[in-house]
N, C-alpha and C. Protein backbone atom coordinates (compact mmCIF):
# COMPACT_ATOMS: atom_id res chain seq x y z
N MET A 1 0.83 -1.18 0.00
CA MET A 1 0.00 0.00 0.00
C MET A 1 0.88 1.25 0.00
N PHE A 2 0.26 2.31 -0.49
CA PHE A 2 0.95 3.59 -0.58
C PHE A 2 0.00 4.67 -0.12
N GLU A 3 0.50 5.55 0.70
CA GLU A 3 -0.35 6.64 1.19
C GLU A 3 -0.06 7.90 0.39
N LYS A 4 -1.08 8.42 -0.28
CA LYS A 4 -0.95 9.64 -1.06
C LYS A 4 -0.89 10.85 -0.14
N ASN A 5 -0.52 12.00 -0.69
CA ASN A 5 -0.44 13.23 0.09
C ASN A 5 -1.78 13.59 0.72
N THR A 6 -2.86 13.14 0.10
CA THR A 6 -4.20 13.45 0.61
C THR A 6 -4.58 12.54 1.78
N GLY A 7 -3.75 11.54 2.06
CA GLY A 7 -4.06 10.59 3.12
C GLY A 7 -4.76 9.34 2.61
N GLU A 8 -5.17 9.35 1.34
CA GLU A 8 -5.84 8.19 0.75
C GLU A 8 -4.84 7.05 0.59
N LEU A 9 -5.29 5.83 0.93
CA LEU A 9 -4.45 4.65 0.76
C LEU A 9 -4.66 4.09 -0.64
N LEU A 10 -3.57 3.84 -1.31
CA LEU A 10 -3.60 3.32 -2.67
C LEU A 10 -3.01 1.92 -2.66
N THR A 11 -3.81 0.96 -3.08
CA THR A 11 -3.34 -0.43 -3.08
C THR A 11 -2.87 -0.83 -4.48
N TYR A 12 -2.19 -1.94 -4.54
CA TYR A 12 -1.75 -2.47 -5.83
C TYR A 12 -2.96 -2.73 -6.72
N PHE A 13 -4.00 -3.27 -6.18
CA PHE A 13 -5.22 -3.53 -6.94
C PHE A 13 -5.75 -2.25 -7.57
N ASN A 14 -5.78 -1.15 -6.79
CA ASN A 14 -6.27 0.13 -7.31
C ASN A 14 -5.41 0.63 -8.48
N THR A 15 -4.12 0.50 -8.37
CA THR A 15 -3.24 0.98 -9.45
C THR A 15 -3.43 0.14 -10.71
N VAL A 16 -3.56 -1.18 -10.56
CA VAL A 16 -3.77 -2.04 -11.72
C VAL A 16 -5.12 -1.71 -12.36
N LYS A 17 -6.13 -1.52 -11.55
CA LYS A 17 -7.47 -1.19 -12.08
C LYS A 17 -7.44 0.12 -12.84
N ARG A 18 -6.77 1.14 -12.30
CA ARG A 18 -6.68 2.44 -12.97
C ARG A 18 -5.91 2.32 -14.28
N GLN A 19 -4.85 1.54 -14.28
CA GLN A 19 -4.06 1.34 -15.50
C GLN A 19 -4.90 0.63 -16.55
N PHE A 20 -5.67 -0.37 -16.14
CA PHE A 20 -6.53 -1.10 -17.07
C PHE A 20 -7.57 -0.17 -17.68
N VAL A 21 -8.22 0.64 -16.86
CA VAL A 21 -9.24 1.57 -17.34
C VAL A 21 -8.60 2.58 -18.32
N ALA A 22 -7.43 3.07 -17.99
CA ALA A 22 -6.74 4.02 -18.88
C ALA A 22 -6.38 3.35 -20.21
N SER A 23 -5.94 2.10 -20.18
CA SER A 23 -5.59 1.38 -21.40
C SER A 23 -6.81 1.16 -22.29
N ILE A 24 -7.90 0.74 -21.70
CA ILE A 24 -9.13 0.52 -22.46
C ILE A 24 -9.64 1.84 -23.04
N SER A 25 -9.56 2.89 -22.26
CA SER A 25 -9.99 4.21 -22.72
C SER A 25 -9.13 4.68 -23.90
N THR A 26 -7.83 4.45 -23.83
CA THR A 26 -6.93 4.83 -24.92
C THR A 26 -7.25 4.04 -26.18
N ALA A 27 -7.45 2.74 -26.04
CA ALA A 27 -7.79 1.89 -27.19
C ALA A 27 -9.12 2.32 -27.81
N GLU A 28 -10.08 2.64 -26.98
CA GLU A 28 -11.39 3.08 -27.48
C GLU A 28 -11.26 4.42 -28.22
N GLY A 29 -10.50 5.34 -27.65
CA GLY A 29 -10.29 6.63 -28.31
C GLY A 29 -9.59 6.47 -29.65
N ALA A 30 -8.58 5.59 -29.71
CA ALA A 30 -7.87 5.34 -30.97
C ALA A 30 -8.80 4.71 -32.00
N ALA A 31 -9.65 3.79 -31.55
CA ALA A 31 -10.61 3.15 -32.47
C ALA A 31 -11.59 4.18 -33.01
N ASN A 32 -12.06 5.07 -32.17
CA ASN A 32 -13.02 6.09 -32.58
C ASN A 32 -12.40 7.09 -33.56
N GLN A 33 -11.09 7.30 -33.44
CA GLN A 33 -10.39 8.27 -34.28
C GLN A 33 -9.48 7.59 -35.31
N ARG A 34 -9.76 6.33 -35.62
CA ARG A 34 -8.85 5.55 -36.47
C ARG A 34 -8.60 6.18 -37.83
N GLU A 35 -9.63 6.72 -38.47
CA GLU A 35 -9.44 7.31 -39.80
C GLU A 35 -8.50 8.51 -39.73
N LYS A 36 -8.69 9.37 -38.74
CA LYS A 36 -7.82 10.53 -38.59
C LYS A 36 -6.40 10.09 -38.24
N LEU A 37 -6.26 9.15 -37.31
CA LEU A 37 -4.93 8.67 -36.93
C LEU A 37 -4.19 8.04 -38.10
N LEU A 38 -4.89 7.21 -38.88
CA LEU A 38 -4.26 6.58 -40.03
C LEU A 38 -3.91 7.61 -41.10
N GLY A 39 -4.80 8.58 -41.31
CA GLY A 39 -4.52 9.65 -42.27
C GLY A 39 -3.32 10.48 -41.85
N ASP A 40 -3.25 10.81 -40.56
CA ASP A 40 -2.11 11.57 -40.04
C ASP A 40 -0.81 10.78 -40.18
N PHE A 41 -0.87 9.49 -39.89
CA PHE A 41 0.32 8.64 -40.00
C PHE A 41 0.78 8.56 -41.45
N TYR A 42 -0.16 8.40 -42.36
CA TYR A 42 0.17 8.36 -43.79
C TYR A 42 0.81 9.68 -44.22
N GLN A 43 0.20 10.79 -43.85
CA GLN A 43 0.71 12.11 -44.24
C GLN A 43 2.10 12.36 -43.64
N TYR A 44 2.32 11.91 -42.43
CA TYR A 44 3.63 12.04 -41.78
C TYR A 44 4.70 11.36 -42.62
N GLN A 45 4.39 10.19 -43.15
CA GLN A 45 5.36 9.47 -43.96
C GLN A 45 5.57 10.13 -45.32
N VAL A 46 4.50 10.64 -45.92
CA VAL A 46 4.63 11.37 -47.19
C VAL A 46 5.48 12.61 -46.97
N ASP A 47 5.22 13.33 -45.89
CA ASP A 47 6.00 14.53 -45.57
C ASP A 47 7.48 14.17 -45.32
N ALA A 48 7.72 13.02 -44.70
CA ALA A 48 9.10 12.58 -44.45
C ALA A 48 9.85 12.34 -45.76
N ILE A 49 9.17 11.76 -46.73
CA ILE A 49 9.79 11.52 -48.05
C ILE A 49 10.11 12.86 -48.70
N ASP A 50 9.15 13.78 -48.72
CA ASP A 50 9.37 15.09 -49.33
C ASP A 50 10.48 15.86 -48.62
N SER A 51 10.48 15.81 -47.30
CA SER A 51 11.51 16.49 -46.52
C SER A 51 12.89 15.91 -46.80
N GLY A 52 12.96 14.60 -46.95
CA GLY A 52 14.25 13.96 -47.26
C GLY A 52 14.78 14.37 -48.61
N LYS A 53 13.88 14.56 -49.58
CA LYS A 53 14.30 14.98 -50.92
C LYS A 53 14.92 16.37 -50.90
N ASP A 54 14.45 17.22 -49.99
CA ASP A 54 14.94 18.60 -49.91
C ASP A 54 16.07 18.78 -48.90
N SER A 55 16.45 17.73 -48.20
CA SER A 55 17.43 17.82 -47.14
C SER A 55 18.85 18.00 -47.68
N LYS A 56 19.65 18.81 -46.98
CA LYS A 56 21.07 18.95 -47.33
C LYS A 56 21.81 17.66 -47.04
N GLU A 57 21.34 16.92 -46.06
CA GLU A 57 21.95 15.64 -45.70
C GLU A 57 21.02 14.54 -46.17
N ARG A 58 21.02 14.30 -47.46
CA ARG A 58 20.06 13.39 -48.09
C ARG A 58 20.38 11.92 -47.82
N VAL A 59 21.66 11.56 -47.86
CA VAL A 59 22.05 10.15 -47.73
C VAL A 59 23.12 10.01 -46.66
N TYR A 60 22.96 9.02 -45.82
CA TYR A 60 23.98 8.67 -44.83
C TYR A 60 24.67 7.40 -45.31
N ILE A 61 25.99 7.41 -45.21
CA ILE A 61 26.78 6.27 -45.67
C ILE A 61 27.46 5.62 -44.47
N LEU A 62 27.32 4.31 -44.38
CA LEU A 62 28.00 3.53 -43.36
C LEU A 62 29.13 2.78 -44.06
N PRO A 63 30.34 3.32 -44.01
CA PRO A 63 31.44 2.74 -44.79
C PRO A 63 31.85 1.36 -44.30
N LYS A 64 32.13 0.51 -45.25
CA LYS A 64 32.58 -0.84 -44.94
C LYS A 64 34.01 -0.83 -44.41
N GLN A 65 34.83 0.07 -44.93
CA GLN A 65 36.25 0.02 -44.63
C GLN A 65 36.61 0.37 -43.19
N SER A 66 35.82 1.21 -42.52
CA SER A 66 36.23 1.63 -41.18
C SER A 66 35.87 0.63 -40.08
N ASN A 67 34.67 0.09 -40.11
CA ASN A 67 34.25 -0.84 -39.07
C ASN A 67 33.17 -1.74 -39.66
N ARG A 68 33.59 -2.82 -40.29
CA ARG A 68 32.65 -3.69 -41.00
C ARG A 68 31.57 -4.25 -40.09
N GLU A 69 31.96 -4.77 -38.96
CA GLU A 69 30.98 -5.38 -38.05
C GLU A 69 30.01 -4.34 -37.50
N GLY A 70 30.54 -3.21 -37.09
CA GLY A 70 29.68 -2.15 -36.54
C GLY A 70 28.72 -1.61 -37.58
N ALA A 71 29.21 -1.41 -38.80
CA ALA A 71 28.34 -0.92 -39.88
C ALA A 71 27.23 -1.92 -40.16
N HIS A 72 27.58 -3.20 -40.18
CA HIS A 72 26.56 -4.23 -40.44
C HIS A 72 25.52 -4.27 -39.31
N ARG A 73 25.97 -4.18 -38.08
CA ARG A 73 25.04 -4.21 -36.95
C ARG A 73 24.10 -3.00 -36.98
N LEU A 74 24.66 -1.82 -37.29
CA LEU A 74 23.83 -0.62 -37.35
C LEU A 74 22.84 -0.70 -38.51
N ALA A 75 23.29 -1.16 -39.67
CA ALA A 75 22.39 -1.31 -40.82
C ALA A 75 21.27 -2.29 -40.51
N THR A 76 21.60 -3.38 -39.86
CA THR A 76 20.59 -4.38 -39.49
C THR A 76 19.60 -3.80 -38.49
N LEU A 77 20.07 -3.07 -37.52
CA LEU A 77 19.20 -2.46 -36.52
C LEU A 77 18.26 -1.45 -37.17
N MET A 78 18.78 -0.64 -38.08
CA MET A 78 17.93 0.32 -38.77
C MET A 78 16.86 -0.40 -39.59
N ALA A 79 17.24 -1.46 -40.28
CA ALA A 79 16.28 -2.24 -41.08
C ALA A 79 15.20 -2.84 -40.18
N GLU A 80 15.57 -3.30 -39.00
CA GLU A 80 14.60 -3.86 -38.06
C GLU A 80 13.58 -2.80 -37.62
N HIS A 81 13.96 -1.53 -37.72
CA HIS A 81 13.06 -0.43 -37.36
C HIS A 81 12.32 0.11 -38.58
N GLY A 82 12.33 -0.63 -39.68
CA GLY A 82 11.56 -0.25 -40.85
C GLY A 82 12.26 0.69 -41.80
N VAL A 83 13.54 0.94 -41.58
CA VAL A 83 14.30 1.84 -42.44
C VAL A 83 14.79 1.07 -43.67
N GLU A 84 14.67 1.70 -44.84
CA GLU A 84 15.19 1.10 -46.07
C GLU A 84 16.70 1.32 -46.11
N VAL A 85 17.45 0.24 -46.03
CA VAL A 85 18.91 0.30 -46.05
C VAL A 85 19.38 -0.44 -47.30
N LYS A 86 20.27 0.20 -48.05
CA LYS A 86 20.80 -0.43 -49.26
C LYS A 86 22.29 -0.65 -49.09
N GLN A 87 22.81 -1.61 -49.86
CA GLN A 87 24.22 -1.95 -49.79
C GLN A 87 24.82 -1.82 -51.19
N ALA A 88 25.95 -1.13 -51.27
CA ALA A 88 26.61 -0.93 -52.56
C ALA A 88 27.16 -2.26 -53.07
N THR A 89 26.96 -2.52 -54.35
CA THR A 89 27.45 -3.75 -54.96
C THR A 89 28.82 -3.57 -55.59
N GLU A 90 29.26 -2.31 -55.70
CA GLU A 90 30.59 -2.03 -56.23
C GLU A 90 31.14 -0.77 -55.58
N ASP A 91 32.44 -0.56 -55.73
CA ASP A 91 33.06 0.64 -55.17
C ASP A 91 32.40 1.88 -55.77
N PHE A 92 32.35 2.97 -54.99
CA PHE A 92 31.78 4.21 -55.50
C PHE A 92 32.44 5.39 -54.81
N LYS A 93 32.19 6.56 -55.36
CA LYS A 93 32.74 7.80 -54.80
C LYS A 93 31.58 8.75 -54.53
N ALA A 94 31.57 9.35 -53.35
CA ALA A 94 30.53 10.32 -52.97
C ALA A 94 31.16 11.43 -52.15
N CYS A 95 30.84 12.65 -52.48
CA CYS A 95 31.36 13.82 -51.75
C CYS A 95 32.88 13.82 -51.73
N GLY A 96 33.50 13.33 -52.79
CA GLY A 96 34.94 13.32 -52.88
C GLY A 96 35.63 12.20 -52.11
N VAL A 97 34.87 11.28 -51.57
CA VAL A 97 35.43 10.18 -50.78
C VAL A 97 35.13 8.86 -51.48
N LYS A 98 36.10 7.96 -51.51
CA LYS A 98 35.90 6.64 -52.11
C LYS A 98 35.39 5.67 -51.06
N TYR A 99 34.40 4.86 -51.44
CA TYR A 99 33.82 3.85 -50.56
C TYR A 99 33.88 2.50 -51.26
N LYS A 100 34.06 1.47 -50.47
CA LYS A 100 34.17 0.12 -51.01
C LYS A 100 32.80 -0.52 -51.18
N ALA A 101 32.74 -1.49 -52.07
CA ALA A 101 31.53 -2.29 -52.22
C ALA A 101 31.20 -2.92 -50.87
N GLY A 102 29.95 -3.00 -50.55
CA GLY A 102 29.53 -3.55 -49.26
C GLY A 102 29.19 -2.46 -48.26
N SER A 103 29.56 -1.20 -48.58
CA SER A 103 29.17 -0.09 -47.71
C SER A 103 27.65 0.05 -47.77
N TYR A 104 27.08 0.50 -46.68
CA TYR A 104 25.63 0.69 -46.62
C TYR A 104 25.31 2.16 -46.82
N PHE A 105 24.16 2.43 -47.40
CA PHE A 105 23.71 3.80 -47.49
C PHE A 105 22.22 3.86 -47.22
N ILE A 106 21.83 4.96 -46.59
CA ILE A 106 20.45 5.16 -46.17
C ILE A 106 19.99 6.51 -46.69
N ASP A 107 19.02 6.50 -47.57
CA ASP A 107 18.44 7.71 -48.14
C ASP A 107 17.38 8.23 -47.17
N THR A 108 17.41 9.52 -46.88
CA THR A 108 16.41 10.08 -45.96
C THR A 108 15.08 10.35 -46.64
N ALA A 109 15.02 10.23 -47.97
CA ALA A 109 13.76 10.41 -48.69
C ALA A 109 12.98 9.09 -48.68
N GLN A 110 12.50 8.75 -47.49
CA GLN A 110 11.75 7.51 -47.29
C GLN A 110 10.80 7.71 -46.12
N PRO A 111 9.82 6.84 -45.96
CA PRO A 111 8.84 7.02 -44.87
C PRO A 111 9.47 7.12 -43.48
N ARG A 112 10.58 6.48 -43.24
CA ARG A 112 11.25 6.56 -41.93
C ARG A 112 12.40 7.56 -41.93
N GLY A 113 12.37 8.50 -42.88
CA GLY A 113 13.45 9.47 -43.03
C GLY A 113 13.66 10.36 -41.82
N VAL A 114 12.58 10.76 -41.16
CA VAL A 114 12.72 11.60 -39.96
C VAL A 114 13.43 10.81 -38.87
N PHE A 115 13.10 9.55 -38.72
CA PHE A 115 13.77 8.68 -37.75
C PHE A 115 15.26 8.58 -38.07
N VAL A 116 15.59 8.45 -39.36
CA VAL A 116 16.99 8.35 -39.78
C VAL A 116 17.74 9.62 -39.41
N ARG A 117 17.19 10.77 -39.79
CA ARG A 117 17.87 12.03 -39.48
C ARG A 117 18.00 12.24 -37.98
N THR A 118 16.97 11.92 -37.24
CA THR A 118 17.03 12.07 -35.79
C THR A 118 18.09 11.16 -35.19
N THR A 119 18.17 9.95 -35.70
CA THR A 119 19.14 8.98 -35.18
C THR A 119 20.58 9.41 -35.47
N PHE A 120 20.82 9.93 -36.67
CA PHE A 120 22.19 10.22 -37.07
C PHE A 120 22.63 11.66 -36.81
N THR A 121 21.75 12.53 -36.41
CA THR A 121 22.14 13.91 -36.14
C THR A 121 23.10 13.94 -34.96
N GLY A 122 24.24 14.54 -35.19
CA GLY A 122 25.23 14.65 -34.13
C GLY A 122 26.10 13.42 -33.95
N VAL A 123 25.88 12.40 -34.73
CA VAL A 123 26.69 11.19 -34.62
C VAL A 123 27.95 11.41 -35.44
N SER A 124 29.09 11.09 -34.86
CA SER A 124 30.34 11.26 -35.58
C SER A 124 30.72 10.00 -36.34
N LYS A 125 31.69 10.14 -37.21
CA LYS A 125 32.25 9.06 -38.00
C LYS A 125 31.27 8.49 -39.01
N LEU A 126 30.28 9.28 -39.42
CA LEU A 126 29.38 8.89 -40.50
C LEU A 126 29.54 9.92 -41.61
N ALA A 127 29.51 9.46 -42.82
CA ALA A 127 29.60 10.38 -43.95
C ALA A 127 28.19 10.73 -44.40
N SER A 128 27.98 11.98 -44.74
CA SER A 128 26.68 12.37 -45.27
C SER A 128 26.89 13.27 -46.48
N CYS A 129 25.97 13.16 -47.41
CA CYS A 129 26.01 14.06 -48.58
C CYS A 129 24.63 14.22 -49.13
């Protein structure tokens, strides 16, 4: 039991009951507003694609040459979060830097582009162009 500032005793049962009621209420509210929520979610992803196309930092590159295992783990983690991650099939040059085949690149012009930019903002040792 827990005594609130008001002197009311709060039991474990009371907290579970309140959490259950709040969860059901949230689910009901989401169901009632499903069309708006889905429309907003869709528009958020469309806006993320458009924003990525206009971004100065359009593509993030995870170079194979610096840390192969770390780059692979990060690329896999991003893919698990719904991010479109591509892998170069041959050597390439971007922003004046040469990269080896097997390097990963992530375009921010995608539905999860905001997540990508948020994740990589301020992260060092990543190339962007």
